């Protein structure tokens, strides 16, 4: 498998080629939506620390070149994924229950006269996402709206991810009934 770094940008007024002396073998192509992609080949697979450091240096270089809105993707390892198929309860016998709900192990509840899934974020109507949770104090089901519908999530950029998590105190996200908990969980 070939290892690479991709810099993906939305449509740019002037997408110029990056310096070949710094990034030998770089490819420039356009997405179906009109975005620009720089694909930089790597000699080998990078460890997580190396990938974070490389992404940070590349982001700094891109900012110096005048680019502001971009995502950096670094190829993952080439380990083959083994597929397993289970019938009936074999999966639960091998792996146990995979999903844990703190809300008295309920998967569904009623919210304003209709059945909703608890603890499963979905596309929002008021905000970018919504999730239904059972309030442990009142035992009522609450709808938690979170995320700005006009902004993109750029969690693939390590610097932005660190900044977001620090700004929102994601080490202590608070209760499940608050938007900060779910935003931190997404990031």
Protein backbone atom coordinates (compact mmCIF):
# COMPACT_ATOMS: atom_id res chain seq x y z
CA UNK A 1 0.00 0.00 0.00
CA UNK A 2 1.21 3.47 -0.85
CA UNK A 3 1.44 5.91 2.05
CA UNK A 4 0.47 9.54 1.52
CA UNK A 5 -0.73 12.81 3.00
CA UNK A 6 -3.68 14.62 1.47
CA UNK A 7 -4.48 18.29 1.90
CA UNK A 8 -8.14 18.79 0.97
CA UNK A 9 -9.54 22.28 0.43
CA UNK A 10 -12.85 23.63 -0.70
CA UNK A 11 -12.89 25.56 -3.97
CA UNK A 12 -10.03 28.06 -3.94
CA UNK A 13 -9.67 31.15 -6.09
CA UNK A 14 -6.04 30.40 -6.84
CA UNK A 15 -4.93 26.83 -6.23
CA UNK A 16 -1.22 26.92 -6.97
CA UNK A 17 1.14 23.97 -6.86
CA UNK A 18 3.13 23.50 -3.65
CA UNK A 19 6.92 23.71 -3.84
CA UNK A 20 8.30 20.53 -5.50
CA UNK A 21 11.63 20.91 -3.70
CA UNK A 22 9.83 20.56 -0.35
CA UNK A 23 7.24 18.00 -1.46
CA UNK A 24 8.74 15.82 -4.23
CA UNK A 25 6.22 13.82 -6.28
CA UNK A 26 3.22 15.88 -5.18
CA UNK A 27 -0.01 15.49 -7.17
CA UNK A 28 -2.64 18.20 -7.57
CA UNK A 29 -6.17 17.31 -8.56
CA UNK A 30 -9.72 18.61 -8.29
CA UNK A 31 -12.67 16.94 -6.53
CA UNK A 32 -16.11 16.53 -8.08
CA UNK A 33 -17.32 19.45 -5.93
CA UNK A 34 -14.61 21.74 -7.29
CA UNK A 35 -12.29 21.43 -4.30
CA UNK A 36 -8.51 21.12 -4.52
CA UNK A 37 -6.50 18.13 -3.27
CA UNK A 38 -2.73 17.97 -2.85
CA UNK A 39 -1.52 14.39 -2.45
CA UNK A 40 1.99 14.08 -1.05
CA UNK A 41 3.63 10.62 -1.19
CA UNK A 42 5.35 9.28 1.93
CA UNK A 43 8.26 6.82 2.00
CA UNK A 44 6.77 4.82 4.88
CA UNK A 45 3.87 4.66 7.29
CA UNK A 46 4.05 7.25 10.08
CA UNK A 47 3.44 6.51 13.73
CA UNK A 48 0.69 8.48 15.44
CA UNK A 49 3.18 10.92 17.00
CA UNK A 50 5.03 11.36 13.70
CA UNK A 51 1.72 11.89 11.87
CA UNK A 52 0.63 14.56 14.37
CA UNK A 53 3.97 16.35 14.11
CA UNK A 54 3.95 16.16 10.30
CA UNK A 55 0.35 17.45 10.15
CA UNK A 56 1.23 20.37 12.44
CA UNK A 57 4.26 21.36 10.37
CA UNK A 58 2.28 21.00 7.14
CA UNK A 59 -0.57 23.10 8.56
CA UNK A 60 1.90 25.84 9.52
CA UNK A 61 3.39 25.75 6.01
CA UNK A 62 -0.09 25.96 4.42
CA UNK A 63 -0.97 28.97 6.59
CA UNK A 64 2.30 30.66 5.54
CA UNK A 65 1.36 30.06 1.88
CA UNK A 66 -1.95 31.89 2.42
CA UNK A 67 -4.31 28.92 2.63
CA UNK A 68 -6.78 29.11 5.48
CA UNK A 69 -9.46 26.42 5.18
CA UNK A 70 -8.15 22.89 4.64
CA UNK A 71 -8.15 19.36 6.06
CA UNK A 72 -5.09 17.15 6.37
CA UNK A 73 -5.50 13.38 5.97
CA UNK A 74 -2.64 10.95 6.57
CA UNK A 75 -2.91 7.38 5.28
CA UNK A 76 -3.40 4.65 7.86
CA UNK A 77 -1.64 1.34 8.07
CA UNK A 78 -2.25 -1.40 5.57
CA UNK A 79 -3.35 -4.05 8.04
CA UNK A 80 -6.07 -6.17 6.47
CA UNK A 81 -9.43 -6.09 8.19
CA UNK A 82 -10.73 -9.54 8.89
CA UNK A 83 -14.48 -9.89 8.46
CA UNK A 84 -16.51 -12.16 10.71
CA UNK A 85 -20.15 -13.18 10.36
CA UNK A 86 -22.25 -14.38 13.29
CA UNK A 87 -25.70 -15.95 13.47
CA UNK A 88 -28.15 -15.46 16.33
CA UNK A 89 -26.52 -14.85 19.69
CA UNK A 90 -22.99 -15.95 18.68
CA UNK A 91 -21.81 -12.34 18.51
CA UNK A 92 -22.95 -11.59 22.07
CA UNK A 93 -21.46 -14.85 23.31
CA UNK A 94 -18.06 -13.88 21.83
CA UNK A 95 -18.04 -10.13 22.52
CA UNK A 96 -20.80 -9.42 25.02
CA UNK A 97 -22.97 -6.33 24.79
CA UNK A 98 -21.12 -3.65 22.83
CA UNK A 99 -23.37 -0.65 23.50
CA UNK A 100 -23.85 0.68 27.01
CA UNK A 101 -26.56 3.10 27.92
CA UNK A 102 -26.39 4.75 31.35
CA UNK A 103 -30.12 5.41 31.18
CA UNK A 104 -31.32 2.21 32.91
CA UNK A 105 -30.32 0.21 29.82
CA UNK A 106 -33.26 1.59 27.83
CA UNK A 107 -32.79 1.85 24.09
CA UNK A 108 -36.01 3.68 23.34
CA UNK A 109 -38.26 6.12 25.12
CA UNK A 110 -41.14 8.41 24.33
CA UNK A 111 -40.53 12.09 23.63
CA UNK A 112 -43.53 14.32 22.87
CA UNK A 113 -45.70 11.33 21.91
CA UNK A 114 -43.24 9.49 19.65
CA UNK A 115 -40.64 6.76 20.13
CA UNK A 116 -37.01 7.94 20.02
CA UNK A 117 -33.65 6.21 20.46
CA UNK A 118 -31.71 7.27 23.53
CA UNK A 119 -28.02 8.21 23.47
CA UNK A 120 -27.63 8.06 19.67
CA UNK A 121 -26.63 11.39 18.04
CA UNK A 122 -28.36 12.09 14.73
CA UNK A 123 -28.82 14.85 12.15
CA UNK A 124 -30.39 17.81 13.90
CA UNK A 125 -33.29 20.02 13.00
CA UNK A 126 -32.47 23.11 15.08
CA UNK A 127 -28.70 22.62 15.33
CA UNK A 128 -26.25 20.40 13.44
CA UNK A 129 -26.93 17.36 15.66
CA UNK A 130 -29.47 16.21 18.21
CA UNK A 131 -29.60 13.40 20.73
CA UNK A 132 -32.28 12.21 23.12
CA UNK A 133 -31.25 11.39 26.69
CA UNK A 134 -33.03 10.52 29.91
CA UNK A 135 -32.42 13.11 32.62
CA UNK A 136 -31.31 11.17 35.74
CA UNK A 137 -32.79 13.81 38.07
CA UNK A 138 -36.28 14.17 36.61
CA UNK A 139 -36.44 10.83 34.72
CA UNK A 140 -37.82 12.77 31.73
CA UNK A 141 -36.50 12.40 28.20
CA UNK A 142 -34.72 15.52 26.94
CA UNK A 143 -33.66 16.52 23.46
CA UNK A 144 -30.14 17.97 23.43
CA UNK A 145 -29.24 20.10 20.38
CA UNK A 146 -25.57 20.76 19.69
CA UNK A 147 -23.19 21.91 16.96
CA UNK A 148 -23.26 24.87 14.59
CA UNK A 149 -24.98 23.87 11.33
CA UNK A 150 -22.93 26.46 9.40
CA UNK A 151 -19.51 25.14 10.45
CA UNK A 152 -17.52 22.08 9.39
CA UNK A 153 -16.02 19.69 11.91
CA UNK A 154 -12.29 19.53 11.26
CA UNK A 155 -11.25 16.92 13.78
CA UNK A 156 -8.71 15.46 11.36
CA UNK A 157 -6.51 18.53 12.01
CA UNK A 158 -4.71 17.78 15.31
CA UNK A 159 -4.15 21.44 16.18
CA UNK A 160 -7.83 22.32 15.73
CA UNK A 161 -8.89 19.23 17.65
CA UNK A 162 -6.59 20.11 20.60
CA UNK A 163 -7.81 23.71 20.56
CA UNK A 164 -11.48 22.71 20.52
CA UNK A 165 -11.05 20.19 23.35
CA UNK A 166 -9.13 22.72 25.48
CA UNK A 167 -11.61 25.53 24.78
CA UNK A 168 -14.58 23.35 25.77
CA UNK A 169 -12.85 21.65 28.74
CA UNK A 170 -13.45 18.21 27.24
CA UNK A 171 -11.45 16.49 29.98
CA UNK A 172 -14.48 17.23 32.18
CA UNK A 173 -17.43 17.38 29.74
CA UNK A 174 -20.21 17.54 32.31
CA UNK A 175 -23.53 15.65 32.29
CA UNK A 176 -25.02 13.80 29.31
CA UNK A 177 -27.94 16.22 29.34
CA UNK A 178 -25.78 19.14 28.15
CA UNK A 179 -24.59 20.02 24.65
CA UNK A 180 -20.93 20.27 25.73
CA UNK A 181 -20.86 16.56 26.65
CA UNK A 182 -22.00 15.52 23.17
CA UNK A 183 -19.82 18.04 21.32
CA UNK A 184 -16.76 16.80 23.19
CA UNK A 185 -17.74 13.21 22.46
CA UNK A 186 -17.89 14.00 18.71
CA UNK A 187 -14.41 15.61 18.89
